[in-house]
């Protein structure tokens, strides 16, 4: 086992042990959740989905206003590269066809073999010289196209990265001002039994803010999938209870 992997394992055990010790010594009272059903979960996730949807559309407007012109400029350069490549490819094909036609014509008109070879050499060195020039220009244009495509990929990657970090920032900000998920599922009596200024309540709300902020930043589609999964789970659980009750 490598030394780096061993240190990572030891560090992981130390962190887990520290969390368990801190939980047992500082958080002796467990937080009690109230009874909730599929309607409560759906209502909560619908609220988070709406907030996430508003955030998505707002960020889309701001980011497109800022980044879209640059992306359109890169796309225009790529389209120009593709147009030039198509023209150079067509021109090269025409030059090759012209070279073959000239060579074939001279072979038909010349009976002497030595003279035929001389004229073939002339055909190969004159017209193909233009073909080589066009081929070099074509290769250069293809390199430009490849470079611009890489620039576009990097540009889009930076845009996605900026959008994700911005969404996470505003998601945490929205969650920090009070739009949380776990906090709404905790019994008010349980919250009152724990001092609001205690470390336990601080850590609970801190983690709740991180969790809810991440959900909001993840987008409305992800929350919608969670809603469908929760609804399916509750329905299957309810049906299973009914089946056991009827069979008993």
Protein backbone atom coordinates (compact mmCIF):
# COMPACT_ATOMS: atom_id res chain seq x y z
CA UNK A 1 0.00 0.00 0.00
CA UNK A 2 1.33 3.40 -0.93
CA UNK A 3 2.19 5.86 1.81
CA UNK A 4 -0.22 8.47 0.45
CA UNK A 5 -3.13 6.01 0.52
CA UNK A 6 -2.26 4.96 4.08
CA UNK A 7 -2.18 8.58 5.24
CA UNK A 8 -5.57 9.20 3.57
CA UNK A 9 -7.09 6.19 5.36
CA UNK A 10 -5.67 7.25 8.74
CA UNK A 11 -6.84 10.83 8.20
CA UNK A 12 -10.30 9.59 7.27
CA UNK A 13 -10.56 7.48 10.44
CA UNK A 14 -9.41 10.43 12.53
CA UNK A 15 -12.01 12.72 11.00
CA UNK A 16 -14.80 10.17 11.45
CA UNK A 17 -13.70 9.51 15.03
CA UNK A 18 -13.62 13.22 15.76
CA UNK A 19 -17.12 13.66 14.39
CA UNK A 20 -18.45 10.75 16.45
CA UNK A 21 -16.78 12.01 19.64
CA UNK A 22 -17.99 15.56 19.04
CA UNK A 23 -21.52 14.29 18.37
CA UNK A 24 -21.61 12.18 21.55
CA UNK A 25 -20.15 14.87 23.80
CA UNK A 26 -21.74 18.02 22.41
CA UNK A 27 -25.02 16.77 20.91
CA UNK A 28 -26.59 14.52 23.56
CA UNK A 29 -30.14 15.44 22.52
CA UNK A 30 -31.39 14.04 19.24
CA UNK A 31 -33.51 16.20 16.95
CA UNK A 32 -37.07 14.89 16.57
CA UNK A 33 -38.79 15.15 13.21
CA UNK A 34 -42.53 15.57 13.02
CA UNK A 35 -44.79 13.15 11.23
CA UNK A 36 -45.06 13.96 7.56
CA UNK A 37 -46.49 12.36 4.48
CA UNK A 38 -46.24 12.54 0.74
CA UNK A 39 -48.25 15.77 0.68
CA UNK A 40 -45.80 17.53 3.00
CA UNK A 41 -42.81 16.35 0.97
CA UNK A 42 -44.44 17.35 -2.30
CA UNK A 43 -45.28 20.79 -0.96
CA UNK A 44 -41.74 21.32 0.30
CA UNK A 45 -40.05 20.10 -2.88
CA UNK A 46 -42.47 22.07 -5.05
CA UNK A 47 -41.47 25.24 -3.22
CA UNK A 48 -37.77 24.45 -3.69
CA UNK A 49 -38.36 23.59 -7.36
CA UNK A 50 -40.07 26.93 -7.96
CA UNK A 51 -37.23 28.82 -6.29
CA UNK A 52 -34.70 26.83 -8.32
CA UNK A 53 -36.63 27.49 -11.52
CA UNK A 54 -36.69 31.24 -10.86
CA UNK A 55 -32.96 31.14 -10.18
CA UNK A 56 -32.26 29.18 -13.38
CA UNK A 57 -34.15 31.59 -15.61
CA UNK A 58 -32.57 34.65 -13.97
CA UNK A 59 -29.05 33.26 -14.31
CA UNK A 60 -29.75 32.27 -17.91
CA UNK A 61 -30.61 35.87 -18.78
CA UNK A 62 -27.57 37.34 -17.02
CA UNK A 63 -25.09 34.76 -18.30
CA UNK A 64 -26.37 34.90 -21.89
CA UNK A 65 -26.11 38.69 -21.83
CA UNK A 66 -22.52 38.43 -20.69
CA UNK A 67 -21.16 35.31 -22.43
CA UNK A 68 -23.32 34.83 -25.53
CA UNK A 69 -21.60 37.47 -27.74
CA UNK A 70 -18.21 35.80 -27.24
CA UNK A 71 -19.63 32.38 -28.07
CA UNK A 72 -21.31 33.72 -31.21
CA UNK A 73 -18.02 35.24 -32.36
CA UNK A 74 -16.24 31.89 -31.94
CA UNK A 75 -19.07 30.11 -33.79
CA UNK A 76 -18.74 32.60 -36.65
CA UNK A 77 -15.02 31.89 -36.92
CA UNK A 78 -15.68 28.14 -36.96
CA UNK A 79 -18.30 28.54 -39.70
CA UNK A 80 -15.83 30.60 -41.72
CA UNK A 81 -13.18 27.89 -41.27
CA UNK A 82 -15.62 25.22 -42.45
CA UNK A 83 -16.58 27.32 -45.49
CA UNK A 84 -12.93 27.87 -46.48
CA UNK A 85 -12.17 24.16 -45.96
CA UNK A 86 -15.05 23.20 -48.25
CA UNK A 87 -13.79 25.62 -50.93
CA UNK A 88 -10.17 24.45 -50.63
CA UNK A 89 -11.25 20.79 -50.76
CA UNK A 90 -13.25 21.42 -53.94
CA UNK A 91 -10.35 23.36 -55.47
CA UNK A 92 -7.86 20.62 -54.64
CA UNK A 93 -10.10 17.99 -56.23
CA UNK A 94 -10.31 20.15 -59.35
CA UNK A 95 -6.52 20.54 -59.47
CA UNK A 96 -5.99 16.80 -59.09
CA UNK A 97 -8.51 16.10 -61.83
CA UNK A 98 -6.84 18.69 -64.07
CA UNK A 99 -3.44 17.10 -63.47
CA UNK A 100 -4.75 13.65 -64.34
CA UNK A 101 -6.42 14.98 -67.49
CA UNK A 102 -3.22 16.69 -68.69
CA UNK A 103 -1.14 13.59 -68.04
CA UNK A 104 -3.59 11.32 -69.84
CA UNK A 105 -3.76 13.69 -72.83
CA UNK A 106 0.00 13.77 -73.23
CA UNK A 107 0.24 10.00 -72.98
CA UNK A 108 -2.23 9.64 -75.84
CA UNK A 109 -0.51 12.15 -78.14
CA UNK A 110 3.09 11.02 -77.59
CA UNK A 111 4.33 7.74 -79.12
CA UNK A 112 7.96 7.95 -78.01
CA UNK A 113 8.51 6.46 -74.56
CA UNK A 114 11.42 8.76 -73.52
CA UNK A 115 9.44 11.84 -74.61
CA UNK A 116 6.42 10.48 -72.80
CA UNK A 117 8.36 10.23 -69.57
CA UNK A 118 9.64 13.80 -69.94
CA UNK A 119 6.17 15.17 -70.44
CA UNK A 120 4.82 13.16 -67.48
CA UNK A 121 7.51 14.70 -65.31
CA UNK A 122 6.47 18.17 -66.50
CA UNK A 123 2.83 17.41 -65.70
CA UNK A 124 3.71 16.15 -62.23
CA UNK A 125 5.93 19.14 -61.38
CA UNK A 126 3.78 21.95 -62.76
CA UNK A 127 0.10 21.40 -62.03
CA UNK A 128 0.64 19.28 -58.90
CA UNK A 129 2.75 22.15 -57.57
CA UNK A 130 -0.45 24.18 -57.40
CA UNK A 131 -2.14 21.18 -55.80
CA UNK A 132 0.48 21.09 -53.08
CA UNK A 133 -0.08 24.79 -52.39
CA UNK A 134 -3.82 24.26 -52.06
CA UNK A 135 -3.21 21.22 -49.85
CA UNK A 136 -0.94 23.24 -47.56
CA UNK A 137 -3.57 25.99 -47.29
CA UNK A 138 -6.21 23.34 -46.58
CA UNK A 139 -4.11 21.79 -43.80
CA UNK A 140 -3.54 25.23 -42.29
CA UNK A 141 -7.25 25.98 -42.33
CA UNK A 142 -8.04 22.62 -40.70
CA UNK A 143 -5.57 23.45 -37.92
CA UNK A 144 -7.36 26.77 -37.40
CA UNK A 145 -10.68 24.94 -37.26
CA UNK A 146 -9.37 22.50 -34.67
CA UNK A 147 -7.96 25.35 -32.58
CA UNK A 148 -11.21 27.31 -32.71
CA UNK A 149 -13.20 24.21 -31.74
CA UNK A 150 -10.94 23.76 -28.71
CA UNK A 151 -11.43 27.43 -27.83
CA UNK A 152 -15.20 27.00 -28.08
CA UNK A 153 -15.14 23.92 -25.84
CA UNK A 154 -13.02 25.73 -23.25
CA UNK A 155 -15.30 28.78 -23.46
CA UNK A 156 -18.43 26.68 -22.89
CA UNK A 157 -16.74 24.83 -20.03
CA UNK A 158 -15.88 28.13 -18.35
CA UNK A 159 -19.45 29.34 -18.84
CA UNK A 160 -20.89 26.17 -17.24
CA UNK A 161 -18.42 26.44 -14.36
CA UNK A 162 -19.33 30.05 -13.75
CA UNK A 163 -23.05 29.25 -13.93
CA UNK A 164 -22.73 26.39 -11.41
CA UNK A 165 -20.71 28.43 -8.92
CA UNK A 166 -23.08 31.39 -9.28
CA UNK A 167 -26.10 29.13 -8.80
CA UNK A 168 -24.48 27.60 -5.72
CA UNK A 169 -23.73 31.04 -4.27
CA UNK A 170 -27.30 32.28 -4.70
CA UNK A 171 -28.71 28.92 -3.59
CA UNK A 172 -26.76 29.15 -0.33
CA UNK A 173 -27.78 32.79 0.02
CA UNK A 174 -31.47 31.96 -0.44
CA UNK A 175 -31.21 29.05 1.97
CA UNK A 176 -29.31 31.21 4.46
CA UNK A 177 -32.12 33.76 4.71
CA UNK A 178 -34.61 31.06 5.72
CA UNK A 179 -35.67 28.86 2.78
CA UNK A 180 -34.59 25.48 4.18
CA UNK A 181 -35.69 21.88 3.82
CA UNK A 182 -34.88 19.92 6.99
CA UNK A 183 -35.79 22.77 9.33
CA UNK A 184 -39.39 22.69 8.14
CA UNK A 185 -39.66 18.98 9.02
CA UNK A 186 -38.46 19.32 12.62
CA UNK A 187 -40.92 19.49 15.49
CA UNK A 188 -41.15 23.01 16.96
CA UNK A 189 -41.09 21.44 20.41
CA UNK A 190 -37.83 19.71 19.57
CA UNK A 191 -36.33 22.98 18.41
CA UNK A 192 -37.43 24.70 21.61
CA UNK A 193 -35.91 21.93 23.72
CA UNK A 194 -32.51 22.75 22.22
CA UNK A 195 -31.12 26.18 22.95
CA UNK A 196 -31.12 28.27 19.77
CA UNK A 197 -27.62 29.49 20.55
CA UNK A 198 -26.25 25.96 21.08
CA UNK A 199 -23.61 24.41 18.85
CA UNK A 200 -26.01 21.63 17.90
CA UNK A 201 -28.61 24.01 16.47
CA UNK A 202 -25.87 26.00 14.71
CA UNK A 203 -24.43 22.87 13.06
CA UNK A 204 -27.92 21.62 12.16
CA UNK A 205 -28.90 24.85 10.44
CA UNK A 206 -25.48 25.13 8.83
CA UNK A 207 -25.82 21.66 7.26
CA UNK A 208 -29.45 22.37 6.36
CA UNK A 209 -28.34 25.53 4.56
CA UNK A 210 -25.69 23.61 2.63
CA UNK A 211 -28.13 20.84 1.71
CA UNK A 212 -30.93 23.16 0.61
CA UNK A 213 -28.55 25.49 -1.21
CA UNK A 214 -27.14 22.55 -3.13
CA UNK A 215 -30.65 21.36 -4.05
CA UNK A 216 -31.63 24.79 -5.33
CA UNK A 217 -28.38 25.17 -7.26
CA UNK A 218 -28.79 21.70 -8.78
CA UNK A 219 -31.78 22.83 -10.80
CA UNK A 220 -35.50 22.20 -10.89
CA UNK A 221 -35.11 18.97 -12.89
CA UNK A 222 -33.16 17.32 -10.08
CA UNK A 223 -35.74 18.38 -7.49
CA UNK A 224 -38.50 17.08 -9.76
CA UNK A 225 -36.78 13.66 -9.90
CA UNK A 226 -36.51 13.66 -6.10
CA UNK A 227 -40.24 14.46 -5.88
CA UNK A 228 -41.10 11.55 -8.17
CA UNK A 229 -38.83 9.21 -6.21
CA UNK A 230 -40.34 10.27 -2.87
CA UNK A 231 -43.88 9.93 -4.21
CA UNK A 232 -43.14 6.45 -5.56
CA UNK A 233 -41.54 5.41 -2.26
CA UNK A 234 -44.49 6.57 -0.15
CA UNK A 235 -47.02 4.93 -2.47
CA UNK A 236 -45.15 1.62 -2.46
CA UNK A 237 -44.80 1.77 1.33
CA UNK A 238 -48.51 2.50 1.76
CA UNK A 239 -49.48 -0.28 -0.64
CA UNK A 240 -47.16 -2.69 1.17
CA UNK A 241 -48.78 -1.85 4.52
CA UNK A 242 -52.26 -2.37 3.04
CA UNK A 243 -51.25 -5.71 1.55
CA UNK A 244 -49.85 -6.94 4.85
CA UNK A 245 -52.94 -5.76 6.69
CA UNK A 246 -55.27 -7.51 4.24
CA UNK A 247 -53.25 -10.73 4.27
CA UNK A 248 -53.13 -10.73 8.07
